[in-house]
Protein backbone atom coordinates (compact mmCIF):
# COMPACT_ATOMS: atom_id res chain seq x y z
CA UNK A 1 -10.56 -8.95 -12.93
CA UNK A 2 -9.75 -7.94 -9.29
CA UNK A 3 -6.45 -6.17 -8.80
CA UNK A 4 -6.06 -5.08 -12.41
CA UNK A 5 -6.51 -1.52 -13.65
CA UNK A 6 -4.42 1.24 -15.25
CA UNK A 7 -2.05 1.39 -12.27
CA UNK A 8 -2.33 -2.09 -10.71
CA UNK A 9 -1.35 -5.56 -11.85
CA UNK A 10 -0.94 -8.73 -9.74
CA UNK A 11 2.47 -9.32 -11.33
CA UNK A 12 4.70 -6.30 -10.75
CA UNK A 13 8.29 -5.34 -10.00
CA UNK A 14 9.39 -4.08 -6.59
CA UNK A 15 12.67 -2.87 -5.12
CA UNK A 16 13.31 -3.25 -1.38
CA UNK A 17 16.18 -2.80 1.03
CA UNK A 18 16.78 -3.06 4.75
CA UNK A 19 19.49 -1.10 6.53
CA UNK A 20 20.53 -1.38 10.16
CA UNK A 21 20.76 1.68 12.41
CA UNK A 22 18.59 3.69 10.01
CA UNK A 23 15.81 6.02 11.13
CA UNK A 24 12.66 7.11 9.33
CA UNK A 25 14.03 10.62 8.57
CA UNK A 26 17.07 9.00 6.93
CA UNK A 27 14.85 6.77 4.79
CA UNK A 28 12.84 9.79 3.71
CA UNK A 29 16.02 11.70 2.85
CA UNK A 30 17.28 8.77 0.76
CA UNK A 31 13.95 8.73 -1.07
CA UNK A 32 14.17 12.42 -1.93
CA UNK A 33 17.69 12.02 -3.31
CA UNK A 34 16.65 9.00 -5.39
CA UNK A 35 13.71 10.77 -7.03
CA UNK A 36 15.74 13.92 -7.75
CA UNK A 37 18.43 11.82 -9.44
CA UNK A 38 15.82 9.90 -11.45
CA UNK A 39 14.20 13.15 -12.53
CA UNK A 40 17.54 14.55 -13.72
CA UNK A 41 18.56 11.33 -15.48
CA UNK A 42 15.22 10.98 -17.28
CA UNK A 43 15.57 14.58 -18.45
CA UNK A 44 19.10 14.00 -19.74
CA UNK A 45 18.44 10.64 -21.42
CA UNK A 46 14.83 10.93 -22.54
CA UNK A 47 14.68 14.71 -22.72
CA UNK A 48 11.53 14.32 -20.63
CA UNK A 49 10.53 16.86 -18.03
CA UNK A 50 7.66 16.60 -15.58
CA UNK A 51 6.76 20.26 -15.77
CA UNK A 52 4.01 20.01 -13.15
CA UNK A 53 6.21 18.39 -10.47
CA UNK A 54 8.98 20.12 -8.52
CA UNK A 55 11.55 17.57 -7.34
CA UNK A 56 14.11 20.19 -6.31
CA UNK A 57 12.43 21.70 -3.27
CA UNK A 58 12.09 19.64 -0.07
CA UNK A 59 9.23 17.17 -0.28
CA UNK A 60 6.14 18.08 1.72
CA UNK A 61 5.44 16.13 4.93
CA UNK A 62 1.96 15.71 6.39
CA UNK A 63 0.90 13.67 9.39
CA UNK A 64 -1.79 11.09 8.79
CA UNK A 65 -4.15 11.91 11.70
CA UNK A 66 -4.10 15.74 11.56
CA UNK A 67 -4.39 15.69 7.77
CA UNK A 68 -7.35 13.31 7.91
CA UNK A 69 -9.10 15.35 10.61
CA UNK A 70 -8.66 18.60 8.65
CA UNK A 71 -10.10 16.95 5.53
CA UNK A 72 -12.98 15.41 7.48
CA UNK A 73 -13.83 18.76 9.10
CA UNK A 74 -14.77 20.08 5.67
CA UNK A 75 -17.68 17.65 5.78
CA UNK A 76 -18.24 17.05 9.53
CA UNK A 77 -17.61 19.97 11.86
CA UNK A 78 -15.22 19.29 14.76
CA UNK A 79 -14.71 15.64 13.75
CA UNK A 80 -11.80 13.89 15.47
CA UNK A 81 -10.43 10.41 15.06
CA UNK A 82 -11.98 8.03 17.61
CA UNK A 83 -9.87 5.96 19.98
CA UNK A 84 -8.81 3.15 17.67
CA UNK A 85 -8.20 0.77 20.57
CA UNK A 86 -11.91 0.70 21.47
CA UNK A 87 -14.24 -2.03 20.22
CA UNK A 88 -16.61 0.51 18.61
CA UNK A 89 -13.94 2.25 16.49
CA UNK A 90 -15.09 0.62 13.24
CA UNK A 91 -18.74 1.53 13.90
CA UNK A 92 -17.84 5.17 14.61
CA UNK A 93 -15.77 5.42 11.44
CA UNK A 94 -18.51 3.89 9.31
CA UNK A 95 -21.07 6.25 10.88
CA UNK A 96 -18.90 9.18 9.79
CA UNK A 97 -18.95 7.81 6.24
CA UNK A 98 -22.72 8.34 6.16
CA UNK A 99 -22.09 12.10 6.10
CA UNK A 100 -19.47 11.97 3.35
CA UNK A 101 -20.11 12.37 -0.40
CA UNK A 102 -18.81 8.91 -1.28
CA UNK A 103 -19.75 5.35 -0.43
CA UNK A 104 -18.34 3.57 2.60
CA UNK A 105 -16.07 0.56 2.00
CA UNK A 106 -17.63 -2.87 2.47
CA UNK A 107 -15.52 -3.84 5.47
CA UNK A 108 -15.53 -3.93 9.27
CA UNK A 109 -11.72 -3.70 9.48
CA UNK A 110 -10.48 -0.47 11.09
CA UNK A 111 -7.22 -0.44 9.05
CA UNK A 112 -9.14 -0.88 5.78
CA UNK A 113 -11.64 1.84 6.68
CA UNK A 114 -8.84 4.25 7.55
CA UNK A 115 -7.00 3.38 4.34
CA UNK A 116 -10.12 4.13 2.31
CA UNK A 117 -10.75 7.40 4.15
CA UNK A 118 -7.25 8.77 3.72
CA UNK A 119 -7.23 7.60 0.10
CA UNK A 120 -10.34 9.64 -0.69
CA UNK A 121 -9.54 12.72 1.36
CA UNK A 122 -5.76 13.08 1.68
CA UNK A 123 -3.79 10.98 -0.79
CA UNK A 124 -5.72 12.25 -3.79
CA UNK A 125 -4.64 15.83 -3.00
CA UNK A 126 -0.92 15.00 -2.84
CA UNK A 127 -0.02 16.21 -6.32
CA UNK A 128 3.50 17.39 -5.52
CA UNK A 129 5.90 14.90 -3.84
CA UNK A 130 4.44 14.44 -0.36
CA UNK A 131 5.24 12.11 2.51
CA UNK A 132 2.31 10.97 4.63
CA UNK A 133 3.78 9.91 7.97
CA UNK A 134 2.81 8.43 11.32
CA UNK A 135 -0.04 6.14 10.28
CA UNK A 136 -2.11 4.65 13.11
CA UNK A 137 -0.38 1.62 14.59
CA UNK A 138 -3.13 -0.77 13.46
CA UNK A 139 -2.29 0.02 9.82
CA UNK A 140 1.41 -0.87 10.21
CA UNK A 141 1.84 -3.90 12.49
CA UNK A 142 5.46 -4.50 11.39
CA UNK A 143 6.62 -0.95 12.13
CA UNK A 144 7.86 0.55 15.37
CA UNK A 145 5.24 2.69 17.08
CA UNK A 146 4.85 5.28 19.81
CA UNK A 147 2.22 7.39 21.56
CA UNK A 148 1.57 10.85 20.18
CA UNK A 149 -0.75 13.56 21.50
CA UNK A 150 -3.18 15.22 19.12
CA UNK A 151 -5.12 17.98 20.84
CA UNK A 152 -6.87 16.40 23.80
CA UNK A 153 -6.32 12.78 22.75
CA UNK A 154 -3.41 10.39 22.37
CA UNK A 155 -3.08 7.91 19.52
CA UNK A 156 -0.60 5.12 18.94
CA UNK A 157 1.16 5.81 15.62
CA UNK A 158 3.88 4.14 13.60
CA UNK A 159 7.29 5.29 12.43
CA UNK A 160 6.22 4.98 8.82
CA UNK A 161 6.14 7.16 5.70
CA UNK A 162 4.56 6.80 2.26
CA UNK A 163 5.53 8.96 -0.71
CA UNK A 164 2.73 10.18 -2.97
CA UNK A 165 3.02 12.04 -6.28
CA UNK A 166 -0.01 13.03 -8.35
CA UNK A 167 -2.14 11.22 -5.78
CA UNK A 168 -0.36 7.90 -6.36
CA UNK A 169 1.81 5.95 -3.92
CA UNK A 170 5.41 5.26 -4.92
CA UNK A 171 7.35 4.42 -1.75
CA UNK A 172 6.58 2.82 1.60
CA UNK A 173 9.19 2.87 4.36
CA UNK A 174 9.33 2.44 8.11
CA UNK A 175 11.45 1.60 11.12
CA UNK A 176 11.09 -2.14 11.65
CA UNK A 177 9.66 -3.40 14.92
CA UNK A 178 12.50 -5.40 16.50
CA UNK A 179 10.97 -6.24 19.89
CA UNK A 180 9.46 -9.75 19.90
CA UNK A 181 7.13 -8.76 22.75
CA UNK A 182 5.82 -5.69 20.94
CA UNK A 183 5.57 -7.60 17.68
CA UNK A 184 3.48 -10.31 19.32
CA UNK A 185 1.15 -7.67 20.75
CA UNK A 186 0.76 -6.11 17.30
CA UNK A 187 0.12 -9.48 15.65
CA UNK A 188 -2.61 -10.17 18.24
CA UNK A 189 -4.11 -6.73 17.58
CA UNK A 190 -3.94 -7.37 13.82
CA UNK A 191 -6.04 -10.50 14.27
CA UNK A 192 -8.62 -8.51 16.24
CA UNK A 193 -8.96 -6.10 13.29
CA UNK A 194 -9.83 -8.84 10.79
CA UNK A 195 -12.73 -8.11 8.49
CA UNK A 196 -15.69 -10.10 9.82
CA UNK A 197 -17.31 -9.99 6.37
CA UNK A 198 -14.30 -11.50 4.60
CA UNK A 199 -14.08 -15.28 4.93
CA UNK A 200 -10.41 -15.18 3.87
CA UNK A 201 -9.55 -13.01 6.87
CA UNK A 202 -11.36 -15.07 9.48
CA UNK A 203 -8.61 -17.69 9.36
CA UNK A 204 -5.39 -16.17 10.60
CA UNK A 205 -2.72 -16.88 13.14
CA UNK A 206 0.31 -15.27 14.70
CA UNK A 207 3.54 -15.81 12.75
CA UNK A 208 5.48 -17.73 15.39
CA UNK A 209 8.43 -18.26 13.05
CA UNK A 210 8.94 -14.54 12.63
CA UNK A 211 8.65 -13.96 16.37
CA UNK A 212 11.17 -16.73 17.00
CA UNK A 213 13.63 -15.05 14.63
CA UNK A 214 13.18 -11.73 16.45
CA UNK A 215 13.97 -13.42 19.76
CA UNK A 216 17.47 -14.12 18.48
CA UNK A 217 17.98 -10.38 18.20
CA UNK A 218 17.54 -7.72 15.53
CA UNK A 219 19.26 -4.32 15.55
CA UNK A 220 17.32 -1.13 14.84
CA UNK A 221 16.53 -1.45 11.14
CA UNK A 222 14.91 0.65 8.45
CA UNK A 223 12.89 -0.99 5.68
CA UNK A 224 12.17 0.63 2.29
CA UNK A 225 10.20 -0.47 -0.76
CA UNK A 226 8.97 1.00 -4.03
CA UNK A 227 6.99 -0.05 -7.08
CA UNK A 228 9.45 -0.01 -9.98
CA UNK A 229 6.74 -0.15 -12.62
CA UNK A 230 5.05 2.97 -11.28
CA UNK A 231 8.35 4.85 -11.23
CA UNK A 232 8.93 3.90 -14.88
CA UNK A 233 5.40 5.09 -15.64
CA UNK A 234 6.06 8.41 -13.89
CA UNK A 235 9.34 9.27 -15.57
CA UNK A 236 8.46 7.60 -18.88
CA UNK A 237 5.24 9.58 -19.19
CA UNK A 238 3.01 6.51 -19.34
CA UNK A 239 -0.57 6.44 -18.03
CA UNK A 240 -1.05 2.64 -18.09
CA UNK A 241 1.01 0.07 -16.21
CA UNK A 242 0.55 -2.27 -19.18
CA UNK A 243 2.83 0.04 -21.19
CA UNK A 244 5.84 -0.66 -18.93
CA UNK A 245 5.41 -4.32 -17.92
CA UNK A 246 7.98 -6.56 -19.68
CA UNK A 247 5.48 -9.42 -20.16
CA UNK A 248 2.19 -7.57 -20.26
CA UNK A 249 -0.63 -7.60 -17.76
CA UNK A 250 -2.30 -10.68 -16.32
CA UNK A 251 -5.16 -10.03 -18.76
CA UNK A 252 -2.73 -10.19 -21.67
CA UNK A 253 -1.19 -13.46 -20.50
CA UNK A 254 -4.60 -15.03 -19.81
CA UNK A 255 -5.90 -13.95 -23.21
CA UNK A 256 -2.78 -15.28 -24.92
CA UNK A 257 -3.10 -18.61 -23.15
CA UNK A 258 -6.77 -18.88 -24.07
CA UNK A 259 -6.04 -18.11 -27.73
CA UNK A 260 -3.25 -20.70 -27.83
CA UNK A 261 -5.50 -23.29 -26.19
CA UNK A 262 -8.26 -22.64 -28.72
CA UNK A 263 -5.88 -22.96 -31.66
CA UNK A 264 -4.48 -26.22 -30.28
CA UNK A 265 -7.96 -27.74 -29.84
CA UNK A 266 -8.96 -26.65 -33.34
CA UNK A 267 -5.77 -28.16 -34.75
CA UNK A 268 -6.41 -31.51 -33.04
CA UNK A 269 -10.03 -31.64 -34.18
CA UNK A 270 -9.20 -30.78 -37.75
CA UNK A 271 -6.48 -33.45 -37.90
CA UNK A 272 -8.85 -36.18 -36.74
CA UNK A 273 -6.55 -37.17 -33.87
CA UNK A 274 -8.35 -39.01 -31.09
CA UNK A 275 -8.50 -36.93 -27.91
CA UNK A 276 -8.27 -38.97 -24.68
CA UNK A 277 -11.19 -38.50 -22.34
CA UNK A 278 -10.78 -38.84 -18.57
CA UNK A 279 -13.54 -40.74 -16.83
CA UNK A 280 -14.49 -40.53 -13.20
CA UNK A 281 -14.35 -43.72 -11.19
CA UNK A 282 -16.94 -44.44 -8.52
């Protein structure tokens, strides 16, 4: 079943907040404090200690593009991220995949290709609490963005951070884009990055309602979100998300429904009750 494994379930619990006049460094600081407090509380209440994770020292911070290039250079000498604004960016990224020891994703979307690359090469190595920051703009169309020089090239990156522990994402936060003009440009760019192989992505449009709301005015705002179930897994010492979901996984619910349906049909048949049959009319 798509979207279901030991750490994913379509039905999950999230916690989000938005705070005006809040910068990305402040959101990251709030995140560090939260996880230190949770670590201490879980130790006091559950007598559980994550011996392999150090929440006391400052969390590591790595930039998306330099970290990806360093990891890629272990496989492809002198590889640098192509200009993501060019029409051939997806082709160049997929060509690089041909020289990597894992299969390329089945997509033509630059954001999805980048997400797969960093997942294989960078995120998986973030065992201690680590923020990955400044994702390429195309991966974060709702976040504020800015130009940043990397060696001899300049890339457009977002004011965004993701927290990873043991190679798993726990928090996503960024400075919200509050310019309706910039947001429209990013929505248009998002449409241009649609996956040509995915029929569901070929039908998209700019969210005019959201842009209209921004035109009324929005102060500088920080947005923050986390997966509650994964945090419970982390501090509760659970390896499967099914162990912390209040109502079980989608598989559990589907199986329960199927079992109930079968019992009901068997009950009706055994009782001899006439079952109405719907007929199609021409």
